[in-house]
Structures are given as structure tokens and as C-alpha cells.
Amino acid sequence: MNNQDKVRAKKHLGQHFLNDESVAKNIADTLTLNGYNKVLEIGPGMGVLTKYLLEKPIETFVVEIDNESVAYLEKHYQKLHNHIIGEDFLKYNLQKVFFNEPFAIIGNFPYNISTQIVFRVLEMRNQIPEFAGMFQKEVAERICEKKGSKTYGILSVLAQAFYDTEYLFTVSEHVFTPPPKVKSGVMRMIRKENYSLPCNEKLFFTVVKSAFNQRRKTLRNSLKSFLSDQIKEDEVFNLRPEQLNVEEFISLTQKIEAYGIQNQ
């Protein structure tokens, strides 16, 4: 491949192309291949990760917003024929490709939209048994963090409510072109066997987000618009959100659900 054939990294798309083959292979190998036979790679760029996915006994699709990358992939990866989605992952209706079938998601995710990607995966959790890939190190750590930490937050609780999360390994900034200013981290989420919550799931999302949006306040203050007089004196409301794990947030949601909500 000559330099003229390479795709130019575009800052507005948050592109940093991985150039270390061993790291790419290690990311591809995070997939367990359990419970699905299709995988979608987000943002394949020039296909450094894609080539290792194509070696696996699984049907590989890619979604890529950059037209230059799409043209490159079409030219260099014949196995991707009819498997390249030239669209924005955050806006595209994936039912057009996967219908109701399960599929995994993997990628070296653009850091500027990585959190939005996680929330999209959570919305589609019924269809996505596994999600893995590379993020900015702090984001990957946050997804996997346990209660009590300053980095534990909305993303941690919501991801861990439905998935078992695991931080796998750290990646140096020097294996990218151009190199980002931060280190990267690879993590994996495997959907729990029972991933439906024993509470109102929409209310659960709202409670978690409301609590952490005012994380310095006690739950009594951050959730006061949800609380009826009957449960305001419950001791759990003396705590701050980072002191509750997923199960405790579920219990909290059940209490709010059972005893009435004000102003909702």
C-alpha cells in the first residue's frame, strides 16, 4: 500500500488510525462469539481491526461515516462486499440490516462520540449480547468502575445494570496516526443472562441520571421531585449517588415506584 492510497485522518470525525497489528488482533480476540453469528464494527477506517474480524467464523459488517474510508474498504476488502454501511451509526436504523437478529458490536470508537455509542447500545440491548472495543482510557474505566469512586457515574450504573463489564488492557497513544493526547483502554460488556430489571426501567434511567447530575448532593436533595412524604425519611436518601451500586439503585427505584412520585 503506498502513501497516496491511505485515508487521511479527519479531525472533525475524531479519527485516529490504529497502526499496531498486535493491538488490532487483541481487540478482535476480545469477542467470545457466544450467542450471535454477526458482528458490526463501528468506524473501521482502513480496516486494521476488520481484517482480523474477517478471519473469524462470523459474518462481519462495518458502519463508516467517512466516504473516503468506505471507498478504501470497498477497494481493499472484497469479503466486505454488500457488508459496508456508509452511514452514521448514531442515526442509522440497524433493523434494515440485522432485522431482529442478535449481533455483537466492536470498534476503535471515535472518542468524541464514544459515550453516545454506549447509550445507543443500551437502547438496543435486546439485540446486542456483546459489546467490546477501544475508548479513551478514562471512559473505559468509568464504564467498568464500581461504587465509591469519583469516576463511578451514570455510564457505570446503566451499563452494569444490563451487562457484566470488564476492563481488559491499556493501549499507548503512540500506536495511532495521528497519536491522540490520551491513552486508550479496551473493555468488554457481556449481557447478563437476566437483563430485565425488576423495576420500571424508564424510571430507573431517570433516577440514575437525576442522582448523578447533582452528584455532590444527597439523594434526598437531588431526587426531591420524585419523593412522596412517605419515603422522604428513608435513610438511603442520606447517601450520595456514588455510594449506591446497581442493586441499590434498583431498590431505590422500586421504593419511588411503590410510594408515589410527585411532579411527574
C-alpha atoms as a PDB file:
ATOM      1  CA  MET A   1       0.000   0.000   0.000  1.00  0.00           C
ATOM      2  CA  ASN A   2       1.515   3.343  -0.991  1.00  0.00           C
ATOM      3  CA  ASN A   3       1.003   6.516   0.994  1.00  0.00           C
ATOM      4  CA  GLN A   4      -1.258   8.001  -1.691  1.00  0.00           C
ATOM      5  CA  ASP A   5      -3.653   5.102  -1.113  1.00  0.00           C
ATOM      6  CA  LYS A   6      -4.037   5.796   2.602  1.00  0.00           C
ATOM      7  CA  VAL A   7      -7.063   7.510   4.092  1.00  0.00           C
ATOM      8  CA  ARG A   8      -6.384  10.904   5.630  1.00  0.00           C
ATOM      9  CA  ALA A   9      -7.432  11.124   9.300  1.00  0.00           C
ATOM     10  CA  LYS A  10     -10.093  13.800   9.754  1.00  0.00           C
ATOM     11  CA  LYS A  11     -10.128  15.745  12.989  1.00  0.00           C
ATOM     12  CA  HIS A  12     -13.847  16.590  12.839  1.00  0.00           C
ATOM     13  CA  LEU A  13     -14.631  12.853  12.807  1.00  0.00           C
ATOM     14  CA  GLY A  14     -12.306  12.168  15.742  1.00  0.00           C
ATOM     15  CA  GLN A  15     -10.222   9.794  13.606  1.00  0.00           C
ATOM     16  CA  HIS A  16      -7.023   8.295  15.000  1.00  0.00           C
ATOM     17  CA  PHE A  17      -5.999   5.280  12.924  1.00  0.00           C
ATOM     18  CA  LEU A  18      -4.568   2.333  14.847  1.00  0.00           C
ATOM     19  CA  ASN A  19      -1.327   1.174  13.236  1.00  0.00           C
ATOM     20  CA  ASP A  20      -0.300  -1.672  15.556  1.00  0.00           C
ATOM     21  CA  GLU A  21      -1.339  -5.071  14.185  1.00  0.00           C
ATOM     22  CA  SER A  22      -0.917  -6.910  17.502  1.00  0.00           C
ATOM     23  CA  VAL A  23      -3.240  -4.470  19.283  1.00  0.00           C
ATOM     24  CA  ALA A  24      -5.799  -4.841  16.493  1.00  0.00           C
ATOM     25  CA  LYS A  25      -5.678  -8.636  16.773  1.00  0.00           C
ATOM     26  CA  ASN A  26      -6.020  -8.464  20.564  1.00  0.00           C
ATOM     27  CA  ILE A  27      -9.126  -6.270  20.223  1.00  0.00           C
ATOM     28  CA  ALA A  28     -10.671  -8.685  17.700  1.00  0.00           C
ATOM     29  CA  ASP A  29      -9.915 -11.551  20.082  1.00  0.00           C
ATOM     30  CA  THR A  30     -11.978  -9.952  22.859  1.00  0.00           C
ATOM     31  CA  LEU A  31     -15.096 -11.296  21.116  1.00  0.00           C
ATOM     32  CA  THR A  32     -16.357 -14.505  22.735  1.00  0.00           C
ATOM     33  CA  LEU A  33     -18.559 -15.415  19.711  1.00  0.00           C
ATOM     34  CA  ASN A  34     -21.221 -16.670  22.126  1.00  0.00           C
ATOM     35  CA  GLY A  35     -24.900 -16.090  21.373  1.00  0.00           C
ATOM     36  CA  TYR A  36     -24.580 -14.443  17.951  1.00  0.00           C
ATOM     37  CA  ASN A  37     -23.137 -15.059  14.491  1.00  0.00           C
ATOM     38  CA  LYS A  38     -22.895 -11.483  13.231  1.00  0.00           C
ATOM     39  CA  VAL A  39     -20.725  -8.566  14.307  1.00  0.00           C
ATOM     40  CA  LEU A  40     -20.836  -4.867  13.445  1.00  0.00           C
ATOM     41  CA  GLU A  41     -17.636  -2.844  13.540  1.00  0.00           C
ATOM     42  CA  ILE A  42     -18.064   0.892  14.074  1.00  0.00           C
ATOM     43  CA  GLY A  43     -15.587   3.202  12.324  1.00  0.00           C
ATOM     44  CA  PRO A  44     -13.274   0.696  10.600  1.00  0.00           C
ATOM     45  CA  GLY A  45     -11.148   3.370   8.904  1.00  0.00           C
ATOM     46  CA  MET A  46      -8.615   1.450   6.803  1.00  0.00           C
ATOM     47  CA  GLY A  47      -9.599  -1.926   8.218  1.00  0.00           C
ATOM     48  CA  VAL A  48      -6.760  -2.699  10.636  1.00  0.00           C
ATOM     49  CA  LEU A  49      -9.249  -4.372  13.011  1.00  0.00           C
ATOM     50  CA  THR A  50     -11.576  -5.504  10.231  1.00  0.00           C
ATOM     51  CA  LYS A  51      -9.046  -7.905   8.708  1.00  0.00           C
ATOM     52  CA  TYR A  52      -8.882  -9.896  11.965  1.00  0.00           C
ATOM     53  CA  LEU A  53     -12.670  -9.962  12.289  1.00  0.00           C
ATOM     54  CA  LEU A  54     -12.912 -11.358   8.748  1.00  0.00           C
ATOM     55  CA  GLU A  55     -10.719 -14.295   9.815  1.00  0.00           C
ATOM     56  CA  LYS A  56     -13.276 -15.349  12.424  1.00  0.00           C
ATOM     57  CA  PRO A  57     -16.233 -17.711  11.862  1.00  0.00           C
ATOM     58  CA  ILE A  58     -18.679 -14.839  11.975  1.00  0.00           C
ATOM     59  CA  GLU A  59     -20.373 -12.555   9.448  1.00  0.00           C
ATOM     60  CA  THR A  60     -18.749  -9.116   9.655  1.00  0.00           C
ATOM     61  CA  PHE A  61     -20.459  -5.823   8.825  1.00  0.00           C
ATOM     62  CA  VAL A  62     -18.934  -2.362   9.148  1.00  0.00           C
ATOM     63  CA  VAL A  63     -20.549   1.054   9.524  1.00  0.00           C
ATOM     64  CA  GLU A  64     -18.450   4.015   8.394  1.00  0.00           C
ATOM     65  CA  ILE A  65     -19.477   7.666   8.033  1.00  0.00           C
ATOM     66  CA  ASP A  66     -16.317   8.710   6.123  1.00  0.00           C
ATOM     67  CA  ASN A  67     -16.790   8.327   2.351  1.00  0.00           C
ATOM     68  CA  GLU A  68     -13.024   8.128   1.796  1.00  0.00           C
ATOM     69  CA  SER A  69     -12.793   5.171   4.188  1.00  0.00           C
ATOM     70  CA  VAL A  70     -15.801   3.499   2.535  1.00  0.00           C
ATOM     71  CA  ALA A  71     -14.079   3.723  -0.865  1.00  0.00           C
ATOM     72  CA  TYR A  72     -10.858   2.332   0.611  1.00  0.00           C
ATOM     73  CA  LEU A  73     -12.640  -0.618   2.235  1.00  0.00           C
ATOM     74  CA  GLU A  74     -14.540  -1.408  -0.963  1.00  0.00           C
ATOM     75  CA  LYS A  75     -11.242  -1.485  -2.868  1.00  0.00           C
ATOM     76  CA  HIS A  76      -9.167  -3.499  -0.389  1.00  0.00           C
ATOM     77  CA  TYR A  77     -11.625  -5.860   1.341  1.00  0.00           C
ATOM     78  CA  GLN A  78     -13.550  -7.955  -1.148  1.00  0.00           C
ATOM     79  CA  LYS A  79     -15.030 -10.020   1.703  1.00  0.00           C
ATOM     80  CA  LEU A  80     -16.964  -6.926   2.794  1.00  0.00           C
ATOM     81  CA  HIS A  81     -18.981  -6.862  -0.428  1.00  0.00           C
ATOM     82  CA  ASN A  82     -22.533  -5.753   0.495  1.00  0.00           C
ATOM     83  CA  HIS A  83     -21.452  -5.548   4.158  1.00  0.00           C
ATOM     84  CA  ILE A  84     -20.374  -1.881   4.274  1.00  0.00           C
ATOM     85  CA  ILE A  85     -22.912   0.572   5.718  1.00  0.00           C
ATOM     86  CA  GLY A  86     -21.903   4.083   4.671  1.00  0.00           C
ATOM     87  CA  GLU A  87     -23.897   5.838   7.375  1.00  0.00           C
ATOM     88  CA  ASP A  88     -23.729   7.488  10.801  1.00  0.00           C
ATOM     89  CA  PHE A  89     -24.069   4.720  13.404  1.00  0.00           C
ATOM     90  CA  LEU A  90     -25.892   7.037  15.808  1.00  0.00           C
ATOM     91  CA  LYS A  91     -28.626   7.812  13.274  1.00  0.00           C
ATOM     92  CA  TYR A  92     -28.887   4.719  11.082  1.00  0.00           C
ATOM     93  CA  ASN A  93     -31.705   2.214  11.585  1.00  0.00           C
ATOM     94  CA  LEU A  94     -29.813  -1.061  12.035  1.00  0.00           C
ATOM     95  CA  GLN A  95     -33.026  -3.042  11.677  1.00  0.00           C
ATOM     96  CA  LYS A  96     -32.539  -2.602   7.928  1.00  0.00           C
ATOM     97  CA  VAL A  97     -29.500  -4.878   8.133  1.00  0.00           C
ATOM     98  CA  PHE A  98     -29.976  -7.090  11.187  1.00  0.00           C
ATOM     99  CA  PHE A  99     -33.771  -7.175  11.456  1.00  0.00           C
ATOM    100  CA  ASN A 100     -34.390  -8.809  14.875  1.00  0.00           C
ATOM    101  CA  GLU A 101     -31.272 -10.978  14.901  1.00  0.00           C
ATOM    102  CA  PRO A 102     -28.661 -10.683  17.661  1.00  0.00           C
ATOM    103  CA  PHE A 103     -25.291  -9.155  16.778  1.00  0.00           C
ATOM    104  CA  ALA A 104     -22.169  -8.003  18.597  1.00  0.00           C
ATOM    105  CA  ILE A 105     -20.629  -4.542  18.267  1.00  0.00           C
ATOM    106  CA  ILE A 106     -16.904  -3.816  18.261  1.00  0.00           C
ATOM    107  CA  GLY A 107     -14.637  -0.959  17.231  1.00  0.00           C
ATOM    108  CA  ASN A 108     -11.920   1.555  17.853  1.00  0.00           C
ATOM    109  CA  PHE A 109     -14.508   4.145  18.758  1.00  0.00           C
ATOM    110  CA  PRO A 110     -14.132   7.853  17.950  1.00  0.00           C
ATOM    111  CA  TYR A 111     -13.620   9.442  21.360  1.00  0.00           C
ATOM    112  CA  ASN A 112     -15.920  12.371  20.595  1.00  0.00           C
ATOM    113  CA  ILE A 113     -18.992  10.098  20.298  1.00  0.00           C
ATOM    114  CA  SER A 114     -17.973   7.081  22.389  1.00  0.00           C
ATOM    115  CA  THR A 115     -20.395   7.777  25.256  1.00  0.00           C
ATOM    116  CA  GLN A 116     -23.258   8.227  22.767  1.00  0.00           C
ATOM    117  CA  ILE A 117     -22.334   4.858  21.242  1.00  0.00           C
ATOM    118  CA  VAL A 118     -22.654   3.181  24.652  1.00  0.00           C
ATOM    119  CA  PHE A 119     -26.094   4.730  25.221  1.00  0.00           C
ATOM    120  CA  ARG A 120     -27.209   3.539  21.760  1.00  0.00           C
ATOM    121  CA  VAL A 121     -26.040   0.021  22.635  1.00  0.00           C
ATOM    122  CA  LEU A 122     -28.025   0.157  25.886  1.00  0.00           C
ATOM    123  CA  GLU A 123     -31.124   1.197  23.924  1.00  0.00           C
ATOM    124  CA  MET A 124     -30.612  -1.856  21.670  1.00  0.00           C
ATOM    125  CA  ARG A 125     -29.651  -4.244  24.488  1.00  0.00           C
ATOM    126  CA  ASN A 126     -32.328  -6.764  23.485  1.00  0.00           C
ATOM    127  CA  GLN A 127     -30.363  -7.365  20.298  1.00  0.00           C
ATOM    128  CA  ILE A 128     -26.749  -6.876  21.435  1.00  0.00           C
ATOM    129  CA  PRO A 129     -25.408  -9.706  23.652  1.00  0.00           C
ATOM    130  CA  GLU A 130     -21.838  -8.404  23.481  1.00  0.00           C
ATOM    131  CA  PHE A 131     -20.084  -5.076  23.026  1.00  0.00           C
ATOM    132  CA  ALA A 132     -16.324  -4.539  23.034  1.00  0.00           C
ATOM    133  CA  GLY A 133     -13.757  -2.070  21.871  1.00  0.00           C
ATOM    134  CA  MET A 134     -11.380   0.771  22.493  1.00  0.00           C
ATOM    135  CA  PHE A 135     -12.236   4.039  24.192  1.00  0.00           C
ATOM    136  CA  GLN A 136     -10.365   6.875  25.812  1.00  0.00           C
ATOM    137  CA  LYS A 137      -8.892   5.141  28.873  1.00  0.00           C
ATOM    138  CA  GLU A 138     -10.910   7.167  31.371  1.00  0.00           C
ATOM    139  CA  VAL A 139     -14.195   6.330  29.635  1.00  0.00           C
ATOM    140  CA  ALA A 140     -13.416   2.593  29.502  1.00  0.00           C
ATOM    141  CA  GLU A 141     -12.525   2.694  33.202  1.00  0.00           C
ATOM    142  CA  ARG A 142     -15.693   4.615  34.059  1.00  0.00           C
ATOM    143  CA  ILE A 143     -17.906   2.045  32.351  1.00  0.00           C
ATOM    144  CA  CYS A 144     -16.327  -0.707  34.481  1.00  0.00           C
ATOM    145  CA  GLU A 145     -15.940   1.254  37.738  1.00  0.00           C
ATOM    146  CA  LYS A 146     -17.555   0.122  40.991  1.00  0.00           C
ATOM    147  CA  LYS A 147     -19.343   2.270  43.561  1.00  0.00           C
ATOM    148  CA  GLY A 148     -17.383   4.562  45.826  1.00  0.00           C
ATOM    149  CA  SER A 149     -15.127   6.050  43.164  1.00  0.00           C
ATOM    150  CA  LYS A 150     -15.182   9.607  41.841  1.00  0.00           C
ATOM    151  CA  THR A 151     -15.315   8.235  38.290  1.00  0.00           C
ATOM    152  CA  TYR A 152     -18.298   5.986  39.055  1.00  0.00           C
ATOM    153  CA  GLY A 153     -21.341   7.577  37.461  1.00  0.00           C
ATOM    154  CA  ILE A 154     -24.312   7.351  35.095  1.00  0.00           C
ATOM    155  CA  LEU A 155     -22.437   5.307  32.495  1.00  0.00           C
ATOM    156  CA  SER A 156     -21.175   2.862  35.142  1.00  0.00           C
ATOM    157  CA  VAL A 157     -24.601   2.150  36.655  1.00  0.00           C
ATOM    158  CA  LEU A 158     -26.563   1.921  33.416  1.00  0.00           C
ATOM    159  CA  ALA A 159     -24.014  -0.303  31.656  1.00  0.00           C
ATOM    160  CA  GLN A 160     -23.643  -2.597  34.672  1.00  0.00           C
ATOM    161  CA  ALA A 161     -27.413  -2.889  35.124  1.00  0.00           C
ATOM    162  CA  PHE A 162     -27.634  -4.930  31.935  1.00  0.00           C
ATOM    163  CA  TYR A 163     -24.076  -6.110  31.211  1.00  0.00           C
ATOM    164  CA  ASP A 164     -21.097  -7.606  33.002  1.00  0.00           C
ATOM    165  CA  THR A 165     -18.302  -5.133  32.267  1.00  0.00           C
ATOM    166  CA  GLU A 166     -14.571  -5.796  32.232  1.00  0.00           C
ATOM    167  CA  TYR A 167     -11.595  -3.505  31.624  1.00  0.00           C
ATOM    168  CA  LEU A 168      -9.163  -5.598  29.580  1.00  0.00           C
ATOM    169  CA  PHE A 169      -5.997  -3.665  28.704  1.00  0.00           C
ATOM    170  CA  THR A 170      -4.470  -0.228  28.154  1.00  0.00           C
ATOM    171  CA  VAL A 171      -3.182   0.991  24.780  1.00  0.00           C
ATOM    172  CA  SER A 172      -0.410   3.576  24.321  1.00  0.00           C
ATOM    173  CA  GLU A 173      -1.123   6.767  22.401  1.00  0.00           C
ATOM    174  CA  HIS A 174       1.938   6.022  20.229  1.00  0.00           C
ATOM    175  CA  VAL A 175       0.254   3.259  18.180  1.00  0.00           C
ATOM    176  CA  PHE A 176      -2.097   5.689  16.403  1.00  0.00           C
ATOM    177  CA  THR A 177      -1.797   8.018  13.418  1.00  0.00           C
ATOM    178  CA  PRO A 178      -2.111  10.797  14.416  1.00  0.00           C
ATOM    179  CA  PRO A 179      -1.442   9.987  18.098  1.00  0.00           C
ATOM    180  CA  PRO A 180      -4.186  11.196  20.474  1.00  0.00           C
ATOM    181  CA  LYS A 181      -3.239  13.174  23.564  1.00  0.00           C
ATOM    182  CA  VAL A 182      -4.545  10.468  25.896  1.00  0.00           C
ATOM    183  CA  LYS A 183      -4.101   6.761  26.488  1.00  0.00           C
ATOM    184  CA  SER A 184      -6.766   4.328  25.367  1.00  0.00           C
ATOM    185  CA  GLY A 185      -8.425   1.404  27.101  1.00  0.00           C
ATOM    186  CA  VAL A 186     -10.122  -1.709  25.757  1.00  0.00           C
ATOM    187  CA  MET A 187     -13.152  -3.048  27.604  1.00  0.00           C
ATOM    188  CA  ARG A 188     -15.869  -5.630  27.032  1.00  0.00           C
ATOM    189  CA  MET A 189     -19.523  -5.830  28.045  1.00  0.00           C
ATOM    190  CA  ILE A 190     -21.295  -9.205  28.050  1.00  0.00           C
ATOM    191  CA  ARG A 191     -25.048  -9.040  28.522  1.00  0.00           C
ATOM    192  CA  LYS A 192     -26.366 -10.588  31.715  1.00  0.00           C
ATOM    193  CA  GLU A 193     -28.418 -13.749  31.449  1.00  0.00           C
ATOM    194  CA  ASN A 194     -31.322 -11.936  33.073  1.00  0.00           C
ATOM    195  CA  TYR A 195     -31.080  -8.382  31.767  1.00  0.00           C
ATOM    196  CA  SER A 196     -34.600  -7.179  32.503  1.00  0.00           C
ATOM    197  CA  LEU A 197     -34.824  -5.126  35.680  1.00  0.00           C
ATOM    198  CA  PRO A 198     -37.340  -5.840  38.476  1.00  0.00           C
ATOM    199  CA  CYS A 199     -38.492  -2.225  38.339  1.00  0.00           C
ATOM    200  CA  ASN A 200     -39.747   0.353  35.861  1.00  0.00           C
ATOM    201  CA  GLU A 201     -36.731   0.596  33.534  1.00  0.00           C
ATOM    202  CA  LYS A 202     -37.586   4.063  32.207  1.00  0.00           C
ATOM    203  CA  LEU A 203     -37.884   5.348  35.781  1.00  0.00           C
ATOM    204  CA  PHE A 204     -34.600   3.601  36.682  1.00  0.00           C
ATOM    205  CA  PHE A 205     -32.770   5.517  33.909  1.00  0.00           C
ATOM    206  CA  THR A 206     -34.344   8.783  35.063  1.00  0.00           C
ATOM    207  CA  VAL A 207     -33.479   8.213  38.735  1.00  0.00           C
ATOM    208  CA  VAL A 208     -29.842   7.329  37.965  1.00  0.00           C
ATOM    209  CA  LYS A 209     -29.364  10.320  35.672  1.00  0.00           C
ATOM    210  CA  SER A 210     -31.079  12.740  38.090  1.00  0.00           C
ATOM    211  CA  ALA A 211     -28.987  11.498  41.020  1.00  0.00           C
ATOM    212  CA  PHE A 212     -25.622  11.835  39.272  1.00  0.00           C
ATOM    213  CA  ASN A 213     -26.460  15.138  37.598  1.00  0.00           C
ATOM    214  CA  GLN A 214     -26.248  16.576  41.132  1.00  0.00           C
ATOM    215  CA  ARG A 215     -23.725  14.088  42.476  1.00  0.00           C
ATOM    216  CA  ARG A 216     -22.473  16.342  45.287  1.00  0.00           C
ATOM    217  CA  LYS A 217     -25.936  16.442  46.820  1.00  0.00           C
ATOM    218  CA  THR A 218     -27.555  13.732  48.889  1.00  0.00           C
ATOM    219  CA  LEU A 219     -30.257  11.713  47.166  1.00  0.00           C
ATOM    220  CA  ARG A 220     -32.856  13.488  49.307  1.00  0.00           C
ATOM    221  CA  ASN A 221     -31.965  16.739  47.548  1.00  0.00           C
ATOM    222  CA  SER A 222     -31.186  15.501  44.043  1.00  0.00           C
ATOM    223  CA  LEU A 223     -34.335  13.344  43.880  1.00  0.00           C
ATOM    224  CA  LYS A 224     -36.696  15.553  45.874  1.00  0.00           C
ATOM    225  CA  SER A 225     -39.099  15.985  42.941  1.00  0.00           C
ATOM    226  CA  PHE A 226     -39.617  12.193  42.951  1.00  0.00           C
ATOM    227  CA  LEU A 227     -40.233  11.717  46.657  1.00  0.00           C
ATOM    228  CA  SER A 228     -43.502  11.444  48.468  1.00  0.00           C
ATOM    229  CA  ASP A 229     -43.634  12.362  52.159  1.00  0.00           C
ATOM    230  CA  GLN A 230     -43.980   8.672  52.945  1.00  0.00           C
ATOM    231  CA  ILE A 231     -40.414   7.803  51.902  1.00  0.00           C
ATOM    232  CA  LYS A 232     -38.516  11.038  52.486  1.00  0.00           C
ATOM    233  CA  GLU A 233     -37.280   9.788  55.861  1.00  0.00           C
ATOM    234  CA  ASP A 234     -35.786   6.545  54.465  1.00  0.00           C
ATOM    235  CA  GLU A 235     -32.087   6.532  55.411  1.00  0.00           C
ATOM    236  CA  VAL A 236     -30.990   5.683  51.873  1.00  0.00           C
ATOM    237  CA  PHE A 237     -31.728   9.291  50.929  1.00  0.00           C
ATOM    238  CA  ASN A 238     -28.931  10.457  53.227  1.00  0.00           C
ATOM    239  CA  LEU A 239     -26.452   8.906  50.801  1.00  0.00           C
ATOM    240  CA  ARG A 240     -24.842  10.326  47.673  1.00  0.00           C
ATOM    241  CA  PRO A 241     -25.239   8.540  44.332  1.00  0.00           C
ATOM    242  CA  GLU A 242     -21.692   7.143  44.163  1.00  0.00           C
ATOM    243  CA  GLN A 243     -22.422   5.189  47.364  1.00  0.00           C
ATOM    244  CA  LEU A 244     -25.062   3.004  45.653  1.00  0.00           C
ATOM    245  CA  ASN A 245     -24.404   0.000  43.435  1.00  0.00           C
ATOM    246  CA  VAL A 246     -26.755  -1.187  40.679  1.00  0.00           C
ATOM    247  CA  GLU A 247     -28.859  -3.351  43.002  1.00  0.00           C
ATOM    248  CA  GLU A 248     -29.290  -0.451  45.419  1.00  0.00           C
ATOM    249  CA  PHE A 249     -30.390   1.846  42.586  1.00  0.00           C
ATOM    250  CA  ILE A 250     -32.941  -0.792  41.572  1.00  0.00           C
ATOM    251  CA  SER A 251     -34.209  -0.944  45.159  1.00  0.00           C
ATOM    252  CA  LEU A 252     -34.371   2.852  45.249  1.00  0.00           C
ATOM    253  CA  THR A 253     -36.411   2.897  42.032  1.00  0.00           C
ATOM    254  CA  GLN A 254     -38.781   0.279  43.440  1.00  0.00           C
ATOM    255  CA  LYS A 255     -39.378   2.435  46.527  1.00  0.00           C
ATOM    256  CA  ILE A 256     -40.112   5.512  44.431  1.00  0.00           C
ATOM    257  CA  GLU A 257     -42.393   3.461  42.215  1.00  0.00           C
ATOM    258  CA  ALA A 258     -44.278   1.940  45.158  1.00  0.00           C
ATOM    259  CA  TYR A 259     -44.843   5.051  47.253  1.00  0.00           C
ATOM    260  CA  GLY A 260     -45.776   7.567  44.619  1.00  0.00           C
ATOM    261  CA  ILE A 261     -43.968  10.248  42.709  1.00  0.00           C
ATOM    262  CA  GLN A 262     -44.579  13.943  42.953  1.00  0.00           C
ATOM    263  CA  ASN A 263     -44.492  16.289  39.973  1.00  0.00           C
ATOM    264  CA  GLN A 264     -44.098  13.512  37.405  1.00  0.00           C
END
